[in-house]
Each structure stands twice: as structure tokens, then as C-alpha cells.
C-alpha atoms as a PDB file:
ATOM      1  CA  MET A   1     119.288 150.783 118.479  1.00  0.00           C
ATOM      2  CA  THR A   2     122.297 153.020 118.648  1.00  0.00           C
ATOM      3  CA  SER A   3     122.906 156.282 117.038  1.00  0.00           C
ATOM      4  CA  GLY A   4     126.400 157.996 116.640  1.00  0.00           C
ATOM      5  CA  PRO A   5     129.375 155.798 117.046  1.00  0.00           C
ATOM      6  CA  HIS A   6     127.704 153.558 119.676  1.00  0.00           C
ATOM      7  CA  ARG A   7     127.313 156.775 122.016  1.00  0.00           C
ATOM      8  CA  GLU A   8     123.724 157.009 122.272  1.00  0.00           C
ATOM      9  CA  LEU A   9     120.982 154.519 122.934  1.00  0.00           C
ATOM     10  CA  SER A  10     117.188 154.948 121.636  1.00  0.00           C
ATOM     11  CA  LEU A  11     114.691 154.209 124.130  1.00  0.00           C
ATOM     12  CA  LEU A  12     110.823 154.017 124.276  1.00  0.00           C
ATOM     13  CA  MET A  13     109.704 155.611 127.290  1.00  0.00           C
ATOM     14  CA  PHE A  14     106.375 154.859 129.359  1.00  0.00           C
ATOM     15  CA  GLN A  15     105.177 154.921 132.557  1.00  0.00           C
ATOM     16  CA  ILE A  16     103.204 152.290 134.927  1.00  0.00           C
ATOM     17  CA  LEU A  17     101.967 153.536 138.169  1.00  0.00           C
ATOM     18  CA  GLY A  18     103.972 156.886 137.936  1.00  0.00           C
ATOM     19  CA  THR A  19     107.352 154.764 137.570  1.00  0.00           C
ATOM     20  CA  ARG A  20     109.143 155.819 134.591  1.00  0.00           C
ATOM     21  CA  LEU A  21     110.424 153.079 132.619  1.00  0.00           C
ATOM     22  CA  GLY A  22     112.362 152.704 129.078  1.00  0.00           C
ATOM     23  CA  ILE A  23     112.846 149.796 126.533  1.00  0.00           C
ATOM     24  CA  GLU A  24     115.647 149.733 123.896  1.00  0.00           C
ATOM     25  CA  THR A  25     113.889 150.330 120.349  1.00  0.00           C
ATOM     26  CA  GLY A  26     115.893 147.913 118.916  1.00  0.00           C
ATOM     27  CA  GLN A  27     114.015 145.274 121.106  1.00  0.00           C
ATOM     28  CA  ILE A  28     110.730 146.412 119.638  1.00  0.00           C
ATOM     29  CA  ALA A  29     109.382 145.358 116.148  1.00  0.00           C
ATOM     30  CA  CYS A  30     106.345 147.522 116.234  1.00  0.00           C
ATOM     31  CA  ALA A  31     103.781 149.267 118.877  1.00  0.00           C
ATOM     32  CA  ARG A  32     100.081 149.327 118.324  1.00  0.00           C
ATOM     33  CA  PRO A  33      97.010 150.070 120.558  1.00  0.00           C
ATOM     34  CA  LEU A  34      95.366 147.491 122.278  1.00  0.00           C
ATOM     35  CA  GLN A  35      91.779 147.548 120.685  1.00  0.00           C
ATOM     36  CA  ALA A  36      90.196 144.680 122.928  1.00  0.00           C
ATOM     37  CA  PRO A  37      91.198 142.689 125.920  1.00  0.00           C
ATOM     38  CA  PRO A  38      93.684 139.798 125.267  1.00  0.00           C
ATOM     39  CA  GLU A  39      92.684 136.419 124.523  1.00  0.00           C
ATOM     40  CA  VAL A  40      93.994 133.469 126.857  1.00  0.00           C
ATOM     41  CA  GLY A  41      96.680 131.933 124.816  1.00  0.00           C
ATOM     42  CA  ASP A  42      97.393 134.923 122.359  1.00  0.00           C
ATOM     43  CA  GLY A  43     100.880 135.502 123.953  1.00  0.00           C
ATOM     44  CA  LEU A  44      99.871 138.971 125.209  1.00  0.00           C
ATOM     45  CA  CYS A  45     100.640 139.939 128.653  1.00  0.00           C
ATOM     46  CA  TYR A  46     100.367 143.021 130.921  1.00  0.00           C
ATOM     47  CA  PHE A  47     103.375 144.630 132.336  1.00  0.00           C
ATOM     48  CA  HIS A  48     102.027 144.226 135.830  1.00  0.00           C
ATOM     49  CA  GLU A  49     101.628 140.300 135.236  1.00  0.00           C
ATOM     50  CA  ARG A  50     105.126 140.041 134.839  1.00  0.00           C
ATOM     51  CA  VAL A  51     106.527 142.761 137.316  1.00  0.00           C
ATOM     52  CA  ALA A  52     104.739 142.801 140.605  1.00  0.00           C
ATOM     53  CA  PHE A  53     103.917 146.256 141.981  1.00  0.00           C
ATOM     54  CA  HIS A  54     102.871 145.006 145.391  1.00  0.00           C
ATOM     55  CA  GLY A  55      99.759 143.521 144.454  1.00  0.00           C
ATOM     56  CA  VAL A  56      98.309 146.870 142.669  1.00  0.00           C
ATOM     57  CA  VAL A  57      96.903 146.507 139.576  1.00  0.00           C
ATOM     58  CA  PRO A  58      97.398 149.479 137.278  1.00  0.00           C
ATOM     59  CA  ASP A  59      94.515 151.238 135.361  1.00  0.00           C
ATOM     60  CA  TYR A  60      95.623 151.094 131.836  1.00  0.00           C
ATOM     61  CA  ARG A  61      94.106 154.060 130.170  1.00  0.00           C
ATOM     62  CA  SER A  62      95.809 154.044 127.086  1.00  0.00           C
ATOM     63  CA  PRO A  63      97.484 150.451 126.543  1.00  0.00           C
ATOM     64  CA  VAL A  64      99.703 149.724 123.698  1.00  0.00           C
ATOM     65  CA  ILE A  65     101.131 146.196 122.461  1.00  0.00           C
ATOM     66  CA  LEU A  66     105.002 146.348 121.933  1.00  0.00           C
ATOM     67  CA  HIS A  67     105.502 143.267 119.752  1.00  0.00           C
ATOM     68  CA  PRO A  68     109.181 141.754 120.257  1.00  0.00           C
ATOM     69  CA  ALA A  69     111.881 142.176 117.141  1.00  0.00           C
ATOM     70  CA  ALA A  70     112.530 139.315 115.443  1.00  0.00           C
ATOM     71  CA  HIS A  71     115.854 138.630 116.690  1.00  0.00           C
ATOM     72  CA  LEU A  72     114.426 138.294 120.250  1.00  0.00           C
ATOM     73  CA  GLU A  73     112.837 134.995 119.260  1.00  0.00           C
ATOM     74  CA  ARG A  74     109.641 135.751 121.488  1.00  0.00           C
ATOM     75  CA  ARG A  75     106.106 135.615 120.520  1.00  0.00           C
ATOM     76  CA  GLY A  76     103.332 137.480 121.694  1.00  0.00           C
ATOM     77  CA  GLY A  77     103.847 140.968 123.171  1.00  0.00           C
ATOM     78  CA  LEU A  78     104.062 143.452 126.239  1.00  0.00           C
ATOM     79  CA  ILE A  79     101.240 145.579 127.239  1.00  0.00           C
ATOM     80  CA  VAL A  80     102.149 148.779 128.651  1.00  0.00           C
ATOM     81  CA  ASP A  81     100.637 152.206 129.164  1.00  0.00           C
ATOM     82  CA  GLN A  82     101.372 155.855 128.965  1.00  0.00           C
ATOM     83  CA  LEU A  83     103.822 155.835 126.246  1.00  0.00           C
ATOM     84  CA  GLU A  84     105.745 159.155 126.424  1.00  0.00           C
ATOM     85  CA  THR A  85     108.215 159.317 123.794  1.00  0.00           C
ATOM     86  CA  ILE A  86     111.417 158.013 121.899  1.00  0.00           C
ATOM     87  CA  ARG A  87     114.519 159.421 123.306  1.00  0.00           C
ATOM     88  CA  SER A  88     118.261 159.080 122.787  1.00  0.00           C
ATOM     89  CA  VAL A  89     120.233 158.728 125.716  1.00  0.00           C
ATOM     90  CA  GLU A  90     123.685 159.050 125.984  1.00  0.00           C
ATOM     91  CA  ARG A  91     125.450 155.831 127.122  1.00  0.00           C
ATOM     92  CA  ARG A  92     127.376 157.567 129.845  1.00  0.00           C
ATOM     93  CA  ALA A  93     124.173 158.442 131.540  1.00  0.00           C
ATOM     94  CA  ILE A  94     123.360 154.627 131.702  1.00  0.00           C
ATOM     95  CA  PHE A  95     124.377 152.328 134.532  1.00  0.00           C
ATOM     96  CA  ARG A  96     123.944 148.535 134.741  1.00  0.00           C
ATOM     97  CA  LEU A  97     122.167 146.916 137.662  1.00  0.00           C
ATOM     98  CA  PRO A  98     123.384 143.781 139.081  1.00  0.00           C
ATOM     99  CA  ARG A  99     121.479 140.769 137.548  1.00  0.00           C
ATOM    100  CA  ARG A 100     121.309 139.487 141.403  1.00  0.00           C
ATOM    101  CA  LEU A 101     118.775 141.899 142.599  1.00  0.00           C
ATOM    102  CA  ALA A 102     116.104 140.289 144.715  1.00  0.00           C
ATOM    103  CA  PHE A 103     112.942 140.222 142.693  1.00  0.00           C
ATOM    104  CA  ASP A 104     109.841 137.964 143.064  1.00  0.00           C
ATOM    105  CA  GLY A 105     110.378 135.710 139.988  1.00  0.00           C
ATOM    106  CA  ILE A 106     112.552 137.320 137.168  1.00  0.00           C
ATOM    107  CA  ASN A 107     114.732 140.518 137.255  1.00  0.00           C
ATOM    108  CA  PRO A 108     113.345 142.647 134.472  1.00  0.00           C
ATOM    109  CA  TYR A 109     115.728 145.358 134.663  1.00  0.00           C
ATOM    110  CA  TRP A 110     119.092 145.864 133.317  1.00  0.00           C
ATOM    111  CA  GLY A 111     119.968 149.471 134.336  1.00  0.00           C
ATOM    112  CA  VAL A 112     119.004 152.683 134.780  1.00  0.00           C
ATOM    113  CA  ALA A 113     119.437 156.145 133.207  1.00  0.00           C
ATOM    114  CA  ARG A 114     120.218 159.175 134.768  1.00  0.00           C
ATOM    115  CA  LEU A 115     118.252 161.753 133.134  1.00  0.00           C
ATOM    116  CA  GLU A 116     117.751 165.614 133.701  1.00  0.00           C
ATOM    117  CA  GLU A 117     114.102 165.030 135.162  1.00  0.00           C
ATOM    118  CA  GLY A 118     115.044 161.982 137.209  1.00  0.00           C
ATOM    119  CA  LEU A 119     115.568 158.212 136.949  1.00  0.00           C
ATOM    120  CA  LEU A 120     114.480 155.690 134.185  1.00  0.00           C
ATOM    121  CA  LEU A 121     114.631 151.968 134.752  1.00  0.00           C
ATOM    122  CA  LEU A 122     115.595 150.139 131.921  1.00  0.00           C
ATOM    123  CA  VAL A 123     113.500 146.969 131.201  1.00  0.00           C
ATOM    124  CA  ASP A 124     114.807 144.042 129.119  1.00  0.00           C
ATOM    125  CA  LEU A 125     111.622 143.084 126.792  1.00  0.00           C
ATOM    126  CA  ALA A 126     112.985 139.592 126.164  1.00  0.00           C
ATOM    127  CA  ARG A 127     113.358 138.514 129.910  1.00  0.00           C
ATOM    128  CA  LEU A 128     109.621 139.897 130.394  1.00  0.00           C
ATOM    129  CA  LEU A 129     108.374 137.915 127.377  1.00  0.00           C
ATOM    130  CA  HIS A 130     110.455 134.744 128.444  1.00  0.00           C
ATOM    131  CA  ALA A 131     109.100 134.376 132.093  1.00  0.00           C
ATOM    132  CA  ARG A 132     105.722 133.116 132.396  1.00  0.00           C
ATOM    133  CA  ALA A 133     103.232 134.464 135.112  1.00  0.00           C
END
């Protein structure tokens, strides 16, 4: 979702193992706390199940389910941790990453935002939910 005449991008910011990440709010229908461990087959997956962190499994202290927006045509949801804020970021501070970066499986990142406090990796929710662990 953009604000102004498409000069800003609205991002939901969160962390996994100290890595700061963001997802465009237009990709998210809703976010709700995870009340119980997900059931097999319910379409929910943890972020680290889609994106490897060198075999390290994060300790999800405040897990939240991000449900995809209808236009993504994806079911289920992505479980993330440590939601920070929703922030508008100027498009001139966002840089696209090459799609051919080497990853095991999928490349979930489409860009990086350069913020005053450091870099923020930008995640594509549709790519993550499309991938199967």
C-alpha cells in the first residue's frame, strides 16, 4: 500500500533472530496472535521453515500470524515474531535485489530499505507462502 503519489511504501516491520525484516502492508489481510501451536495441514508455517537461518530455530516469544491479502491467492499464514511497527518508507530508500541471488530453495527477499537505523530486508509474502518446506 502506498501513500502520497506513490512516493512511499507502507511496511510492517518485524525481527527474526535479530534480523530486521519488512513486508508490504498491502500483502497482509490481518495479523493476529498465535494462541496455540499450528496443526498439520492448516496452512500455517513459521518464517524459519521457509527461510533457513543456518539451522538455527528462533525462539518465538510473541508469535503472530500474518494472513495474506485476498489478491495474493494464497491460503494459510506466515508465523513471525517481534512485530515492531508499521512504517512508511520513501521509495527512493528502497533498492531491488536481483531475483537470482543464491538461496536454498526460494528467494524470499525482493529488496532492501536503507533506513536511518540500518538496513531492512523486504520480504515477499506470496513467495514465502507459495514455497513448500
